[in-house]
Amino acid sequence: QVQLVESGGGLVQPGGSLRLSCAASGPTFTVYAMGWFRQAPGQDREFVAAIMWSGDNTNYADSVEGRFTISRDNAENTVYLQMNSLKPEDTAVYYCGASRVYSYSRFLDRALKDYDSWGRGTQVTVSS
């Protein structure tokens, strides 16, 4: 089982920036894709961005396209989420997930069920 640990969350003002990190350990050779999801109070967990572990393909939710950038460092087994131009509606707990589903079409589907390893999350609060 892959273990994931998120870090980098905090309190920022609207328009500010924050970078989240997700450190992976265990059998990372089984990972096909890594994704970031977020969950606000009273809301369902929603897709934010994903990246293939051994490729350059990325996928972004419409709400963050152009503002957030997902990247990875395979040597460090770490995935990042650079968040710029933050808005109050970005406030949520951000979770990192790992998928073992070897399918590009499923990668594009953004389904929660395809991610079977999760971190405990890191809080991001955007407020003035």
N, C-alpha and C. Protein backbone atom coordinates (compact mmCIF):
# COMPACT_ATOMS: atom_id res chain seq x y z
N GLN A 1 0.83 -1.18 0.00
CA GLN A 1 0.00 0.00 0.00
C GLN A 1 0.87 1.25 0.00
N VAL A 2 0.55 2.19 -0.87
CA VAL A 2 1.27 3.46 -0.94
C VAL A 2 0.80 4.36 0.19
N GLN A 3 1.74 4.98 0.87
CA GLN A 3 1.41 5.95 1.90
C GLN A 3 1.66 7.36 1.38
N LEU A 4 0.75 8.28 1.70
CA LEU A 4 0.82 9.64 1.22
C LEU A 4 0.71 10.62 2.38
N VAL A 5 1.53 11.67 2.35
CA VAL A 5 1.50 12.69 3.39
C VAL A 5 1.50 14.06 2.72
N GLU A 6 0.44 14.84 2.96
CA GLU A 6 0.35 16.19 2.42
C GLU A 6 0.95 17.20 3.39
N SER A 7 1.43 18.31 2.84
CA SER A 7 1.93 19.40 3.65
C SER A 7 1.85 20.70 2.85
N GLY A 8 2.01 21.84 3.53
CA GLY A 8 2.06 23.12 2.86
C GLY A 8 0.81 23.97 2.98
N GLY A 9 -0.24 23.46 3.60
CA GLY A 9 -1.45 24.23 3.76
C GLY A 9 -1.27 25.36 4.76
N GLY A 10 -2.24 26.28 4.77
CA GLY A 10 -2.17 27.40 5.69
C GLY A 10 -3.19 28.46 5.36
N LEU A 11 -3.04 29.63 5.99
CA LEU A 11 -3.93 30.77 5.79
C LEU A 11 -3.27 31.78 4.86
N VAL A 12 -3.98 32.15 3.78
CA VAL A 12 -3.47 33.13 2.83
C VAL A 12 -4.58 34.11 2.48
N GLN A 13 -4.20 35.31 2.01
CA GLN A 13 -5.16 36.31 1.58
C GLN A 13 -5.61 36.06 0.15
N PRO A 14 -6.81 36.52 -0.21
CA PRO A 14 -7.23 36.40 -1.61
C PRO A 14 -6.20 37.00 -2.55
N GLY A 15 -5.93 36.29 -3.66
CA GLY A 15 -4.92 36.71 -4.60
C GLY A 15 -3.54 36.18 -4.29
N GLY A 16 -3.37 35.57 -3.14
CA GLY A 16 -2.09 35.04 -2.74
C GLY A 16 -1.79 33.68 -3.34
N SER A 17 -0.64 33.13 -2.97
CA SER A 17 -0.18 31.85 -3.51
C SER A 17 0.21 30.90 -2.39
N LEU A 18 0.16 29.62 -2.71
CA LEU A 18 0.52 28.57 -1.78
C LEU A 18 0.95 27.35 -2.58
N ARG A 19 1.92 26.60 -2.08
CA ARG A 19 2.34 25.37 -2.74
C ARG A 19 2.18 24.19 -1.79
N LEU A 20 1.41 23.21 -2.23
CA LEU A 20 1.19 22.00 -1.47
C LEU A 20 2.13 20.90 -1.95
N SER A 21 2.53 20.03 -1.04
CA SER A 21 3.39 18.90 -1.37
C SER A 21 2.73 17.61 -0.93
N CYS A 22 2.97 16.55 -1.67
CA CYS A 22 2.48 15.22 -1.33
C CYS A 22 3.63 14.24 -1.46
N ALA A 23 4.11 13.74 -0.34
CA ALA A 23 5.22 12.80 -0.33
C ALA A 23 4.69 11.37 -0.30
N ALA A 24 5.15 10.55 -1.24
CA ALA A 24 4.70 9.17 -1.36
C ALA A 24 5.79 8.20 -0.92
N SER A 25 5.38 7.12 -0.28
CA SER A 25 6.31 6.07 0.13
C SER A 25 5.65 4.71 -0.08
N GLY A 26 6.45 3.65 0.01
CA GLY A 26 5.94 2.32 -0.26
C GLY A 26 6.12 1.95 -1.73
N PRO A 27 5.27 1.06 -2.27
CA PRO A 27 5.43 0.57 -3.65
C PRO A 27 4.95 1.58 -4.70
N THR A 28 5.69 2.67 -4.85
CA THR A 28 5.29 3.72 -5.79
C THR A 28 5.38 3.27 -7.24
N PHE A 29 6.06 2.15 -7.51
CA PHE A 29 6.14 1.64 -8.88
C PHE A 29 4.78 1.17 -9.38
N THR A 30 3.83 0.98 -8.47
CA THR A 30 2.49 0.56 -8.85
C THR A 30 1.59 1.74 -9.23
N VAL A 31 2.06 2.97 -9.03
CA VAL A 31 1.24 4.16 -9.24
C VAL A 31 1.17 4.53 -10.72
N TYR A 32 -0.03 4.77 -11.20
CA TYR A 32 -0.24 5.22 -12.57
C TYR A 32 -0.47 6.73 -12.62
N ALA A 33 -1.22 7.25 -11.64
CA ALA A 33 -1.52 8.67 -11.62
C ALA A 33 -1.64 9.17 -10.19
N MET A 34 -1.35 10.44 -10.00
CA MET A 34 -1.52 11.11 -8.72
C MET A 34 -2.49 12.26 -8.91
N GLY A 35 -3.35 12.46 -7.93
CA GLY A 35 -4.34 13.52 -8.04
C GLY A 35 -4.50 14.32 -6.77
N TRP A 36 -4.97 15.54 -6.94
CA TRP A 36 -5.34 16.39 -5.82
C TRP A 36 -6.86 16.57 -5.83
N PHE A 37 -7.47 16.38 -4.68
CA PHE A 37 -8.90 16.59 -4.49
C PHE A 37 -9.09 17.51 -3.29
N ARG A 38 -10.24 18.15 -3.20
CA ARG A 38 -10.50 19.02 -2.06
C ARG A 38 -11.93 18.84 -1.57
N GLN A 39 -12.11 19.15 -0.29
CA GLN A 39 -13.41 18.99 0.34
C GLN A 39 -13.66 20.14 1.31
N ALA A 40 -14.70 20.92 1.04
CA ALA A 40 -15.11 22.00 1.93
C ALA A 40 -16.17 21.48 2.90
N PRO A 41 -16.39 22.15 4.03
CA PRO A 41 -17.39 21.70 5.00
C PRO A 41 -18.77 21.54 4.36
N GLY A 42 -19.40 20.39 4.58
CA GLY A 42 -20.71 20.12 4.04
C GLY A 42 -20.73 19.78 2.56
N GLN A 43 -19.57 19.67 1.94
CA GLN A 43 -19.49 19.38 0.51
C GLN A 43 -18.86 18.02 0.26
N ASP A 44 -19.10 17.49 -0.94
CA ASP A 44 -18.45 16.25 -1.35
C ASP A 44 -17.01 16.54 -1.77
N ARG A 45 -16.19 15.51 -1.73
CA ARG A 45 -14.83 15.66 -2.19
C ARG A 45 -14.83 15.83 -3.71
N GLU A 46 -14.14 16.87 -4.20
CA GLU A 46 -14.15 17.16 -5.62
C GLU A 46 -12.75 17.15 -6.22
N PHE A 47 -12.69 16.83 -7.50
CA PHE A 47 -11.44 16.77 -8.24
C PHE A 47 -10.85 18.15 -8.45
N VAL A 48 -9.52 18.26 -8.32
CA VAL A 48 -8.81 19.51 -8.56
C VAL A 48 -7.85 19.37 -9.74
N ALA A 49 -6.93 18.41 -9.66
CA ALA A 49 -5.93 18.22 -10.70
C ALA A 49 -5.32 16.83 -10.58
N ALA A 50 -4.77 16.33 -11.69
CA ALA A 50 -4.11 15.04 -11.69
C ALA A 50 -2.94 15.04 -12.66
N ILE A 51 -1.98 14.17 -12.42
CA ILE A 51 -0.82 14.04 -13.28
C ILE A 51 -0.42 12.57 -13.37
N MET A 52 -0.01 12.14 -14.55
CA MET A 52 0.48 10.78 -14.71
C MET A 52 1.87 10.65 -14.10
N TRP A 53 2.14 9.52 -13.45
CA TRP A 53 3.40 9.33 -12.75
C TRP A 53 4.60 9.26 -13.68
N SER A 54 4.42 8.66 -14.86
CA SER A 54 5.51 8.47 -15.80
C SER A 54 5.29 9.18 -17.13
N GLY A 55 4.53 10.23 -17.13
CA GLY A 55 4.26 11.00 -18.33
C GLY A 55 4.03 12.46 -18.01
N ASP A 56 3.82 13.25 -19.04
CA ASP A 56 3.61 14.69 -18.88
C ASP A 56 2.15 15.09 -18.88
N ASN A 57 1.25 14.12 -19.00
CA ASN A 57 -0.17 14.43 -19.09
C ASN A 57 -0.70 14.97 -17.77
N THR A 58 -1.47 16.04 -17.87
CA THR A 58 -2.12 16.64 -16.71
C THR A 58 -3.59 16.85 -17.00
N ASN A 59 -4.36 17.06 -15.94
CA ASN A 59 -5.79 17.23 -16.05
C ASN A 59 -6.23 18.18 -14.94
N TYR A 60 -7.01 19.21 -15.28
CA TYR A 60 -7.42 20.22 -14.31
C TYR A 60 -8.93 20.43 -14.32
N ALA A 61 -9.47 20.70 -13.13
CA ALA A 61 -10.85 21.12 -13.04
C ALA A 61 -10.98 22.52 -13.64
N ASP A 62 -12.14 22.81 -14.23
CA ASP A 62 -12.37 24.11 -14.85
C ASP A 62 -12.19 25.25 -13.85
N SER A 63 -12.54 25.02 -12.60
CA SER A 63 -12.50 26.06 -11.59
C SER A 63 -11.09 26.50 -11.23
N VAL A 64 -10.07 25.69 -11.55
CA VAL A 64 -8.70 26.02 -11.20
C VAL A 64 -7.79 26.16 -12.41
N GLU A 65 -8.28 25.87 -13.60
CA GLU A 65 -7.48 25.96 -14.83
C GLU A 65 -6.89 27.36 -14.97
N GLY A 66 -5.59 27.43 -15.20
CA GLY A 66 -4.91 28.70 -15.36
C GLY A 66 -4.40 29.30 -14.07
N ARG A 67 -4.87 28.79 -12.95
CA ARG A 67 -4.44 29.30 -11.64
C ARG A 67 -3.57 28.29 -10.89
N PHE A 68 -3.89 27.01 -11.02
CA PHE A 68 -3.16 25.96 -10.32
C PHE A 68 -2.29 25.18 -11.30
N THR A 69 -1.16 24.69 -10.82
CA THR A 69 -0.27 23.86 -11.62
C THR A 69 0.16 22.64 -10.81
N ILE A 70 -0.06 21.45 -11.37
CA ILE A 70 0.37 20.23 -10.73
C ILE A 70 1.69 19.78 -11.36
N SER A 71 2.61 19.31 -10.56
CA SER A 71 3.90 18.84 -11.05
C SER A 71 4.40 17.71 -10.16
N ARG A 72 5.49 17.08 -10.57
CA ARG A 72 6.03 15.96 -9.80
C ARG A 72 7.55 15.94 -9.85
N ASP A 73 8.13 15.26 -8.88
CA ASP A 73 9.56 14.99 -8.83
C ASP A 73 9.68 13.51 -8.52
N ASN A 74 9.86 12.69 -9.56
CA ASN A 74 9.88 11.24 -9.37
C ASN A 74 11.03 10.78 -8.47
N ALA A 75 12.18 11.46 -8.56
CA ALA A 75 13.32 11.09 -7.74
C ALA A 75 13.01 11.26 -6.26
N GLU A 76 12.16 12.23 -5.94
CA GLU A 76 11.78 12.48 -4.55
C GLU A 76 10.44 11.85 -4.20
N ASN A 77 9.79 11.19 -5.17
CA ASN A 77 8.46 10.61 -4.96
C ASN A 77 7.49 11.63 -4.39
N THR A 78 7.50 12.82 -4.98
CA THR A 78 6.71 13.91 -4.47
C THR A 78 5.92 14.59 -5.60
N VAL A 79 4.67 14.91 -5.31
CA VAL A 79 3.81 15.66 -6.22
C VAL A 79 3.48 17.00 -5.58
N TYR A 80 3.43 18.04 -6.41
CA TYR A 80 3.18 19.38 -5.92
C TYR A 80 1.93 19.98 -6.55
N LEU A 81 1.33 20.92 -5.84
CA LEU A 81 0.24 21.71 -6.38
C LEU A 81 0.54 23.17 -6.09
N GLN A 82 0.94 23.91 -7.13
CA GLN A 82 1.18 25.34 -7.00
C GLN A 82 -0.13 26.07 -7.22
N MET A 83 -0.58 26.82 -6.23
CA MET A 83 -1.86 27.51 -6.28
C MET A 83 -1.62 29.01 -6.28
N ASN A 84 -2.03 29.67 -7.36
CA ASN A 84 -1.90 31.12 -7.50
C ASN A 84 -3.27 31.76 -7.61
N SER A 85 -3.32 33.07 -7.41
CA SER A 85 -4.57 33.83 -7.51
C SER A 85 -5.68 33.18 -6.71
N LEU A 86 -5.38 32.83 -5.48
CA LEU A 86 -6.33 32.10 -4.65
C LEU A 86 -7.58 32.92 -4.34
N LYS A 87 -8.71 32.23 -4.29
CA LYS A 87 -10.00 32.83 -4.01
C LYS A 87 -10.58 32.23 -2.73
N PRO A 88 -11.48 32.95 -2.04
CA PRO A 88 -12.11 32.38 -0.85
C PRO A 88 -12.77 31.03 -1.10
N GLU A 89 -13.33 30.82 -2.29
CA GLU A 89 -13.98 29.57 -2.61
C GLU A 89 -13.00 28.41 -2.78
N ASP A 90 -11.70 28.68 -2.76
CA ASP A 90 -10.70 27.62 -2.78
C ASP A 90 -10.48 27.03 -1.39
N THR A 91 -11.08 27.63 -0.37
CA THR A 91 -10.93 27.15 0.99
C THR A 91 -11.48 25.74 1.13
N ALA A 92 -10.64 24.82 1.60
CA ALA A 92 -11.02 23.42 1.75
C ALA A 92 -9.86 22.64 2.34
N VAL A 93 -10.14 21.40 2.70
CA VAL A 93 -9.07 20.46 3.01
C VAL A 93 -8.65 19.81 1.70
N TYR A 94 -7.37 19.86 1.40
CA TYR A 94 -6.85 19.32 0.15
C TYR A 94 -6.21 17.95 0.42
N TYR A 95 -6.63 16.97 -0.38
CA TYR A 95 -6.16 15.60 -0.23
C TYR A 95 -5.38 15.15 -1.46
N CYS A 96 -4.35 14.38 -1.23
CA CYS A 96 -3.57 13.76 -2.29
C CYS A 96 -3.99 12.30 -2.42
N GLY A 97 -4.18 11.83 -3.65
CA GLY A 97 -4.57 10.45 -3.89
C GLY A 97 -3.70 9.80 -4.94
N ALA A 98 -3.55 8.47 -4.86
CA ALA A 98 -2.77 7.69 -5.82
C ALA A 98 -3.67 6.66 -6.49
N SER A 99 -3.56 6.55 -7.81
CA SER A 99 -4.34 5.59 -8.58
C SER A 99 -3.45 4.53 -9.20
N ARG A 100 -3.89 3.28 -9.13
CA ARG A 100 -3.20 2.16 -9.76
C ARG A 100 -3.90 1.70 -11.04
N VAL A 101 -4.93 2.42 -11.46
CA VAL A 101 -5.68 2.06 -12.65
C VAL A 101 -4.91 2.47 -13.90
N TYR A 102 -4.46 1.47 -14.67
CA TYR A 102 -3.62 1.72 -15.84
C TYR A 102 -4.52 1.94 -17.06
N SER A 103 -5.04 3.14 -17.16
CA SER A 103 -5.95 3.49 -18.25
C SER A 103 -5.99 4.99 -18.42
N TYR A 104 -5.66 5.46 -19.63
CA TYR A 104 -5.69 6.90 -19.88
C TYR A 104 -7.12 7.44 -19.85
N SER A 105 -8.06 6.66 -20.37
CA SER A 105 -9.45 7.10 -20.36
C SER A 105 -9.96 7.24 -18.93
N ARG A 106 -9.58 6.34 -18.05
CA ARG A 106 -9.98 6.44 -16.65
C ARG A 106 -9.28 7.60 -15.95
N PHE A 107 -8.05 7.89 -16.37
CA PHE A 107 -7.32 9.06 -15.85
C PHE A 107 -8.11 10.33 -16.13
N LEU A 108 -8.69 10.42 -17.32
CA LEU A 108 -9.47 11.58 -17.70
C LEU A 108 -10.83 11.64 -17.01
N ASP A 109 -11.32 10.49 -16.52
CA ASP A 109 -12.63 10.43 -15.87
C ASP A 109 -12.66 11.12 -14.51
N ARG A 110 -11.52 11.21 -13.84
CA ARG A 110 -11.40 11.90 -12.55
C ARG A 110 -12.21 11.26 -11.43
N ALA A 111 -12.44 9.97 -11.53
CA ALA A 111 -13.31 9.29 -10.58
C ALA A 111 -12.60 9.03 -9.24
N LEU A 112 -13.30 9.33 -8.15
CA LEU A 112 -12.76 9.06 -6.82
C LEU A 112 -12.45 7.59 -6.61
N LYS A 113 -13.29 6.71 -7.17
CA LYS A 113 -13.14 5.28 -6.97
C LYS A 113 -11.85 4.71 -7.54
N ASP A 114 -11.22 5.43 -8.45
CA ASP A 114 -9.98 4.97 -9.06
C ASP A 114 -8.75 5.27 -8.20
N TYR A 115 -8.93 6.03 -7.15
CA TYR A 115 -7.84 6.38 -6.25
C TYR A 115 -7.99 5.59 -4.95
N ASP A 116 -7.05 4.69 -4.68
CA ASP A 116 -7.19 3.79 -3.54
C ASP A 116 -6.20 4.04 -2.42
N SER A 117 -5.38 5.08 -2.52
CA SER A 117 -4.51 5.51 -1.44
C SER A 117 -4.71 7.00 -1.23
N TRP A 118 -4.82 7.42 0.03
CA TRP A 118 -5.10 8.82 0.34
C TRP A 118 -4.26 9.30 1.52
N GLY A 119 -3.89 10.58 1.48
CA GLY A 119 -3.30 11.21 2.64
C GLY A 119 -4.39 11.68 3.58
N ARG A 120 -4.00 12.25 4.71
CA ARG A 120 -4.97 12.73 5.69
C ARG A 120 -5.46 14.14 5.40
N GLY A 121 -4.83 14.84 4.46
CA GLY A 121 -5.27 16.15 4.05
C GLY A 121 -4.52 17.28 4.72
N THR A 122 -4.56 18.45 4.07
CA THR A 122 -3.97 19.66 4.62
C THR A 122 -4.94 20.82 4.38
N GLN A 123 -5.16 21.63 5.41
CA GLN A 123 -6.15 22.71 5.35
C GLN A 123 -5.60 23.92 4.61
N VAL A 124 -6.40 24.43 3.66
CA VAL A 124 -6.10 25.67 2.96
C VAL A 124 -7.25 26.64 3.23
N THR A 125 -6.93 27.80 3.80
CA THR A 125 -7.93 28.81 4.09
C THR A 125 -7.55 30.11 3.40
N VAL A 126 -8.46 30.63 2.57
CA VAL A 126 -8.23 31.87 1.83
C VAL A 126 -9.19 32.91 2.40
N SER A 127 -8.65 33.89 3.10
CA SER A 127 -9.48 34.89 3.77
C SER A 127 -8.67 36.16 4.02
N SER A 128 -9.36 37.31 3.96
CA SER A 128 -8.74 38.59 4.27
C SER A 128 -9.00 39.00 5.71
